[in-house]
């Protein structure tokens, strides 16, 4: 075990996080679920979602047997919904091909949907004590600063260099503790802004601290202008207070989530119902614009509120379109901006 790992583990024994909900009990299922939730999401945000998810679906078998709508509803609000769909698919594959268990080889585990090399390594290290290097965002930051690695970590050459460094420091013993320790160091001390270098167990040999580069490393991704898109969303409510929802296509943004009808004519939103119905004079209100930002574009939403009478609310038989009561919304996977609009209107 090199000095990097020794100093890090000594710090972890005093300052590390050892009471996270997925650590007690630390089963493969709970570790896997937490690692997927923690992709691009902070611990404090994940904890309540994790606890709600495992209360509803406490085992891999429960997840595999659950309807996709149930899984998406439990995930609703966490974003990046492909993670939830991959979780569900992965659980089903485990029952079809791996005797109802997550595989214990890194090759087989990383081949499953939504489980890449680093996530597989984190699962095997924490659930089974296997020694595998990880390279999530926190680890990239720690290694880039400690070794003074130049370049954007997303570039293949830089990423390969960081993987080599990660492997060189990963010890054969205490793999679970080391994996948690290096993630904790990045999350709690070697933070993106205002790192607490004086508290870092590695500060005496950190290149970035020595050379005054902690603010510059790791280098940021080259700036790119985020494009904008516009859409209209119809909030159609009937006399019973139900709202009309549509299930989105199996690919694209918010795939298979339930959402509000889009692309409706602002001037004549009732035309959306043709040829199912003709609404002579609906009560219509154009609401203030809502802006929702994705990682790769910004969506400008113009909501249209429309109240219609009970005898005008008939829609053609369609499993992907339904009138939904307010008390049913929590059972469906809804995009965050749609949930926000329905809560406000």
Protein backbone atom coordinates (compact mmCIF):
# COMPACT_ATOMS: atom_id res chain seq x y z
CA UNK A 1 0.00 0.00 0.00
CA UNK A 2 1.55 3.32 -1.07
CA UNK A 3 1.63 6.50 1.03
CA UNK A 4 -1.30 7.97 -0.92
CA UNK A 5 -3.61 5.12 0.14
CA UNK A 6 -2.20 4.94 3.70
CA UNK A 7 -2.73 8.65 4.36
CA UNK A 8 -6.15 8.58 2.77
CA UNK A 9 -7.31 5.60 4.84
CA UNK A 10 -5.97 7.12 8.06
CA UNK A 11 -8.02 10.24 7.29
CA UNK A 12 -11.07 8.15 6.42
CA UNK A 13 -10.97 6.28 9.73
CA UNK A 14 -11.58 9.59 11.50
CA UNK A 15 -13.44 11.78 9.00
CA UNK A 16 -15.02 9.47 6.42
CA UNK A 17 -18.72 8.89 5.89
CA UNK A 18 -19.62 5.54 7.43
CA UNK A 19 -23.30 5.97 8.19
CA UNK A 20 -24.85 6.38 4.75
CA UNK A 21 -28.12 4.44 4.32
CA UNK A 22 -26.76 2.10 1.63
CA UNK A 23 -23.90 1.07 3.97
CA UNK A 24 -26.26 -0.54 6.50
CA UNK A 25 -26.77 -3.19 5.31
CA UNK A 26 -24.23 -2.97 2.50
CA UNK A 27 -25.74 -5.50 0.10
CA UNK A 28 -24.88 -5.67 -3.61
CA UNK A 29 -28.39 -4.46 -4.51
CA UNK A 30 -28.26 -1.44 -2.21
CA UNK A 31 -24.72 -0.52 -3.25
CA UNK A 32 -25.63 -0.80 -6.94
CA UNK A 33 -28.75 1.31 -6.51
CA UNK A 34 -26.84 4.00 -4.63
CA UNK A 35 -24.00 4.10 -7.18
CA UNK A 36 -26.42 4.58 -10.07
CA UNK A 37 -28.33 7.28 -8.18
CA UNK A 38 -25.07 9.04 -7.34
CA UNK A 39 -24.12 9.35 -11.00
CA UNK A 40 -24.30 13.12 -11.59
CA UNK A 41 -26.24 13.63 -8.32
CA UNK A 42 -25.00 14.64 -4.87
CA UNK A 43 -25.32 12.46 -1.77
CA UNK A 44 -27.67 14.79 0.11
CA UNK A 45 -30.07 14.78 -2.84
CA UNK A 46 -29.89 11.01 -3.31
CA UNK A 47 -30.54 9.93 0.31
CA UNK A 48 -34.32 10.54 0.44
CA UNK A 49 -34.81 9.05 -3.03
CA UNK A 50 -32.76 5.99 -2.08
CA UNK A 51 -34.72 5.44 1.12
CA UNK A 52 -38.05 5.80 -0.68
CA UNK A 53 -36.93 3.45 -3.46
CA UNK A 54 -35.75 0.63 -1.19
CA UNK A 55 -38.87 0.89 0.95
CA UNK A 56 -40.96 0.29 -2.15
CA UNK A 57 -38.61 -2.16 -3.91
CA UNK A 58 -36.32 -3.67 -1.26
CA UNK A 59 -34.70 -6.34 -3.43
CA UNK A 60 -33.46 -7.07 -6.91
CA UNK A 61 -36.41 -9.42 -7.36
CA UNK A 62 -38.87 -6.66 -6.44
CA UNK A 63 -37.25 -4.30 -8.93
CA UNK A 64 -37.26 -6.87 -11.73
CA UNK A 65 -40.96 -7.62 -11.17
CA UNK A 66 -42.09 -4.00 -10.87
CA UNK A 67 -43.89 -2.24 -13.75
CA UNK A 68 -41.73 0.36 -15.47
CA UNK A 69 -44.21 3.11 -14.51
CA UNK A 70 -43.65 2.24 -10.85
CA UNK A 71 -39.87 2.47 -11.22
CA UNK A 72 -40.08 5.79 -13.06
CA UNK A 73 -42.49 7.18 -10.46
CA UNK A 74 -40.06 6.34 -7.66
CA UNK A 75 -37.27 7.97 -9.66
CA UNK A 76 -39.32 11.04 -10.56
CA UNK A 77 -37.40 14.20 -9.66
CA UNK A 78 -33.90 12.71 -9.77
CA UNK A 79 -33.50 13.42 -13.49
CA UNK A 80 -31.44 11.54 -16.09
CA UNK A 81 -34.25 9.00 -16.38
CA UNK A 82 -32.24 6.62 -18.54
CA UNK A 83 -30.62 5.58 -15.25
CA UNK A 84 -33.98 4.32 -13.96
CA UNK A 85 -34.80 2.51 -17.20
CA UNK A 86 -31.36 0.90 -17.17
CA UNK A 87 -31.83 -0.18 -13.54
CA UNK A 88 -35.08 -1.87 -14.41
CA UNK A 89 -33.66 -3.57 -17.50
CA UNK A 90 -30.54 -4.61 -15.60
CA UNK A 91 -32.59 -6.30 -12.87
CA UNK A 92 -34.53 -8.25 -15.48
CA UNK A 93 -31.32 -9.35 -17.22
CA UNK A 94 -29.90 -10.53 -13.88
CA UNK A 95 -32.89 -12.84 -13.46
CA UNK A 96 -32.75 -14.04 -17.04
CA UNK A 97 -28.98 -14.58 -17.28
CA UNK A 98 -27.34 -14.40 -13.82
CA UNK A 99 -29.54 -16.50 -11.49
CA UNK A 100 -31.22 -13.44 -10.03
CA UNK A 101 -28.00 -11.89 -8.76
CA UNK A 102 -25.67 -9.10 -9.83
CA UNK A 103 -22.59 -10.78 -11.35
CA UNK A 104 -19.37 -10.64 -9.34
CA UNK A 105 -16.90 -10.27 -12.21
CA UNK A 106 -16.10 -6.77 -13.37
CA UNK A 107 -16.40 -7.82 -17.04
CA UNK A 108 -19.91 -9.22 -16.63
CA UNK A 109 -21.07 -6.44 -14.34
CA UNK A 110 -19.81 -3.59 -16.52
CA UNK A 111 -21.55 -5.16 -19.53
CA UNK A 112 -24.98 -4.58 -17.97
CA UNK A 113 -27.06 -1.52 -18.92
CA UNK A 114 -26.04 1.64 -17.07
CA UNK A 115 -23.02 0.07 -15.35
CA UNK A 116 -19.75 1.28 -16.76
CA UNK A 117 -16.22 0.46 -15.65
CA UNK A 118 -16.08 2.83 -12.69
CA UNK A 119 -19.56 2.01 -11.39
CA UNK A 120 -18.86 -1.72 -11.64
CA UNK A 121 -15.60 -1.26 -9.75
CA UNK A 122 -17.32 0.73 -7.00
CA UNK A 123 -20.02 -1.92 -6.59
CA UNK A 124 -17.57 -4.82 -6.40
CA UNK A 125 -15.24 -2.99 -4.04
CA UNK A 126 -17.97 -1.97 -1.61
CA UNK A 127 -20.19 -5.05 -1.83
CA UNK A 128 -17.52 -7.76 -2.11
CA UNK A 129 -14.22 -6.16 -1.09
CA UNK A 130 -12.70 -6.65 -4.54
CA UNK A 131 -9.78 -4.37 -5.40
CA UNK A 132 -10.74 -2.32 -8.46
CA UNK A 133 -9.92 1.29 -9.27
CA UNK A 134 -12.75 3.79 -9.68
CA UNK A 135 -12.79 7.08 -11.57
CA UNK A 136 -15.89 9.13 -10.88
CA UNK A 137 -15.95 12.92 -10.88
CA UNK A 138 -14.64 13.26 -7.32
CA UNK A 139 -11.76 10.87 -7.97
CA UNK A 140 -10.80 12.61 -11.20
CA UNK A 141 -10.58 15.89 -9.33
CA UNK A 142 -8.45 14.47 -6.52
CA UNK A 143 -6.03 12.75 -8.88
CA UNK A 144 -5.78 15.66 -11.32
CA UNK A 145 -4.86 18.02 -8.50
CA UNK A 146 -2.59 15.66 -6.58
CA UNK A 147 -0.56 14.75 -9.68
CA UNK A 148 -0.93 18.08 -11.51
CA UNK A 149 -2.59 16.47 -14.54
CA UNK A 150 -3.22 19.01 -17.29
CA UNK A 151 -6.07 18.84 -19.80
CA UNK A 152 -9.81 18.24 -19.64
CA UNK A 153 -10.46 14.86 -17.91
CA UNK A 154 -13.07 13.97 -20.53
CA UNK A 155 -10.41 13.84 -23.25
CA UNK A 156 -9.40 10.24 -23.93
CA UNK A 157 -5.65 10.75 -23.40
CA UNK A 158 -6.22 12.55 -20.08
CA UNK A 159 -8.77 9.97 -18.97
CA UNK A 160 -6.37 7.12 -19.73
CA UNK A 161 -3.69 8.85 -17.67
CA UNK A 162 -6.09 9.25 -14.75
CA UNK A 163 -7.12 5.59 -14.95
CA UNK A 164 -3.47 4.55 -14.71
CA UNK A 165 -3.01 6.76 -11.66
CA UNK A 166 -6.21 5.45 -10.06
CA UNK A 167 -5.04 1.87 -10.51
CA UNK A 168 -1.57 2.63 -9.14
CA UNK A 169 -3.02 3.92 -5.84
CA UNK A 170 -5.79 1.35 -5.28
CA UNK A 171 -4.69 -1.03 -2.51
CA UNK A 172 -5.26 -4.78 -2.36
CA UNK A 173 -6.62 -4.54 1.20
CA UNK A 174 -9.49 -2.43 2.59
CA UNK A 175 -10.86 -1.93 -0.92
CA UNK A 176 -14.32 -0.93 0.31
CA UNK A 177 -12.95 1.67 2.73
CA UNK A 178 -10.49 3.05 0.17
CA UNK A 179 -13.22 3.40 -2.46
CA UNK A 180 -15.45 5.31 -0.04
CA UNK A 181 -12.46 7.32 1.22
CA UNK A 182 -11.36 8.72 -2.13
CA UNK A 183 -14.97 9.61 -3.03
CA UNK A 184 -15.40 11.29 0.36
CA UNK A 185 -12.18 13.26 0.00
CA UNK A 186 -13.37 14.71 -3.30
CA UNK A 187 -16.86 15.42 -1.98
CA UNK A 188 -15.91 16.88 1.41
CA UNK A 189 -12.39 18.34 1.16
CA UNK A 190 -11.04 18.48 -2.39
CA UNK A 191 -14.18 20.21 -3.59
CA UNK A 192 -14.71 21.84 -6.96
CA UNK A 193 -14.54 25.35 -5.48
CA UNK A 194 -12.84 26.49 -2.28
CA UNK A 195 -11.11 23.19 -1.46
CA UNK A 196 -10.07 22.85 2.19
CA UNK A 197 -6.46 21.99 1.46
CA UNK A 198 -5.29 22.43 5.06
CA UNK A 199 -7.59 19.55 6.07
CA UNK A 200 -6.44 17.23 3.27
CA UNK A 201 -4.32 14.21 4.26
CA UNK A 202 -2.49 14.49 0.92
CA UNK A 203 -1.66 18.21 0.98
CA UNK A 204 2.06 17.81 1.68
CA UNK A 205 2.68 16.19 -1.72
CA UNK A 206 -0.12 17.73 -3.80
CA UNK A 207 1.22 19.28 -7.02
CA UNK A 208 -1.76 21.62 -7.48
CA UNK A 209 -1.35 23.05 -3.98
CA UNK A 210 2.40 23.38 -4.38
CA UNK A 211 2.10 25.18 -7.71
CA UNK A 212 -1.00 27.27 -6.92
CA UNK A 213 -3.17 25.38 -9.40
CA UNK A 214 -6.07 24.18 -7.25
CA UNK A 215 -8.48 26.60 -8.98
CA UNK A 216 -7.22 25.62 -12.44
CA UNK A 217 -7.27 21.83 -12.05
CA UNK A 218 -8.93 19.79 -13.26
CA UNK A 219 -9.29 21.84 -16.40
CA UNK A 220 -12.85 22.63 -17.42
CA UNK A 221 -14.52 21.30 -20.52
CA UNK A 222 -14.15 23.74 -23.41
CA UNK A 223 -17.07 26.15 -23.33
CA UNK A 224 -19.96 25.53 -25.69
CA UNK A 225 -23.08 27.61 -26.21
CA UNK A 226 -26.19 25.83 -24.97
CA UNK A 227 -28.90 25.95 -27.66
CA UNK A 228 -32.52 26.75 -26.86
CA UNK A 229 -35.70 25.00 -27.90
CA UNK A 230 -39.31 26.08 -27.51
CA UNK A 231 -42.49 24.11 -26.99
CA UNK A 232 -46.05 24.50 -25.78
CA UNK A 233 -47.60 22.26 -23.13
CA UNK A 234 -51.33 21.85 -22.70
CA UNK A 235 -52.68 21.62 -19.16
CA UNK A 236 -56.17 20.37 -19.96
CA UNK A 237 -58.37 19.91 -16.88
CA UNK A 238 -61.88 18.50 -16.94
CA UNK A 239 -64.81 19.17 -14.63
CA UNK A 240 -63.52 16.54 -12.16
CA UNK A 241 -60.10 18.21 -11.85
CA UNK A 242 -58.36 15.50 -13.84
CA UNK A 243 -55.47 16.41 -16.14
CA UNK A 244 -54.79 14.93 -19.56
CA UNK A 245 -51.40 13.20 -19.83
CA UNK A 246 -49.58 11.43 -22.63
CA UNK A 247 -46.80 8.86 -22.40
CA UNK A 248 -43.73 9.96 -24.31
CA UNK A 249 -42.06 7.82 -27.02
CA UNK A 250 -39.56 5.09 -26.07
CA UNK A 251 -36.59 7.19 -27.21
CA UNK A 252 -35.55 10.80 -26.78
CA UNK A 253 -36.00 13.24 -23.90
CA UNK A 254 -38.07 11.88 -20.99
CA UNK A 255 -38.52 8.55 -22.78
CA UNK A 256 -41.62 6.63 -21.57
CA UNK A 257 -42.45 9.20 -18.89
CA UNK A 258 -45.93 10.66 -18.69
CA UNK A 259 -46.08 14.29 -19.75
CA UNK A 260 -48.40 17.04 -20.93
CA UNK A 261 -49.42 17.16 -24.60
CA UNK A 262 -46.87 19.23 -26.54
CA UNK A 263 -46.84 21.30 -29.69
CA UNK A 264 -50.38 22.59 -29.18
CA UNK A 265 -51.58 25.64 -31.12
CA UNK A 266 -51.53 28.55 -28.66
CA UNK A 267 -54.42 30.25 -30.47
CA UNK A 268 -56.62 27.14 -30.74
CA UNK A 269 -55.54 24.54 -28.17
CA UNK A 270 -58.90 22.79 -28.49
CA UNK A 271 -57.78 21.63 -31.93
CA UNK A 272 -55.59 19.11 -30.12
CA UNK A 273 -58.71 17.08 -29.36
CA UNK A 274 -59.80 16.74 -33.00
CA UNK A 275 -60.98 14.37 -34.29
CA UNK A 276 -61.88 12.95 -30.87
CA UNK A 277 -64.08 15.89 -29.90
CA UNK A 278 -65.06 19.40 -30.79
CA UNK A 279 -64.81 21.94 -27.99
CA UNK A 280 -66.73 25.02 -28.92
CA UNK A 281 -65.61 27.64 -26.38
CA UNK A 282 -63.13 26.32 -23.84
CA UNK A 283 -61.76 28.52 -21.06
CA UNK A 284 -58.16 29.16 -22.05
CA UNK A 285 -55.31 30.93 -20.28
CA UNK A 286 -51.74 31.29 -21.57
CA UNK A 287 -49.47 31.02 -18.52
CA UNK A 288 -46.00 32.50 -17.91
CA UNK A 289 -43.10 30.79 -19.65
CA UNK A 290 -41.18 28.12 -17.76
CA UNK A 291 -37.51 27.52 -18.61
CA UNK A 292 -35.99 24.11 -17.91
CA UNK A 293 -32.27 23.55 -18.48
CA UNK A 294 -30.86 20.21 -19.57
CA UNK A 295 -27.16 19.42 -19.81
CA UNK A 296 -27.21 20.00 -23.57
CA UNK A 297 -30.03 22.48 -24.25
CA UNK A 298 -32.45 24.89 -22.62
CA UNK A 299 -36.18 24.28 -23.05
CA UNK A 300 -38.59 27.24 -23.07
CA UNK A 301 -42.09 25.99 -22.23
CA UNK A 302 -45.26 27.99 -22.88
CA UNK A 303 -48.00 26.39 -20.75
CA UNK A 304 -51.64 26.69 -21.84
CA UNK A 305 -54.31 26.05 -19.24
CA UNK A 306 -57.64 24.87 -20.63
CA UNK A 307 -60.78 23.89 -18.69
CA UNK A 308 -63.32 21.75 -20.46
CA UNK A 309 -66.69 20.32 -19.49
CA UNK A 310 -67.22 16.70 -18.55
CA UNK A 311 -69.09 15.87 -21.75
CA UNK A 312 -66.20 17.23 -23.81
CA UNK A 313 -63.43 15.20 -22.17
CA UNK A 314 -63.79 12.02 -24.16
CA UNK A 315 -60.60 10.82 -25.85
CA UNK A 316 -60.01 7.93 -28.20
CA UNK A 317 -58.94 4.64 -26.65
CA UNK A 318 -55.17 4.85 -26.32
CA UNK A 319 -52.92 3.22 -23.68
CA UNK A 320 -50.54 6.16 -23.96
CA UNK A 321 -53.13 8.90 -23.26
CA UNK A 322 -55.26 9.20 -20.12
CA UNK A 323 -57.13 11.53 -17.79
CA UNK A 324 -55.37 11.38 -14.41
CA UNK A 325 -56.67 12.40 -10.99
CA UNK A 326 -54.42 14.54 -8.75
CA UNK A 327 -54.05 11.69 -6.26
CA UNK A 328 -52.73 9.42 -9.03
CA UNK A 329 -49.86 11.67 -10.10
CA UNK A 330 -47.41 10.26 -7.54
CA UNK A 331 -47.78 6.81 -9.07
CA UNK A 332 -46.48 7.99 -12.45
CA UNK A 333 -43.05 9.00 -13.68
CA UNK A 334 -43.34 12.70 -14.52
CA UNK A 335 -40.59 15.08 -15.72
CA UNK A 336 -39.66 17.68 -13.11
CA UNK A 337 -40.99 20.71 -15.07
CA UNK A 338 -44.31 18.93 -15.71
CA UNK A 339 -44.68 18.10 -12.04
CA UNK A 340 -43.90 21.74 -11.24
CA UNK A 341 -46.49 23.05 -13.68
CA UNK A 342 -49.17 20.72 -12.31
CA UNK A 343 -48.36 21.75 -8.74
CA UNK A 344 -48.71 25.43 -9.66
CA UNK A 345 -51.78 25.15 -11.87
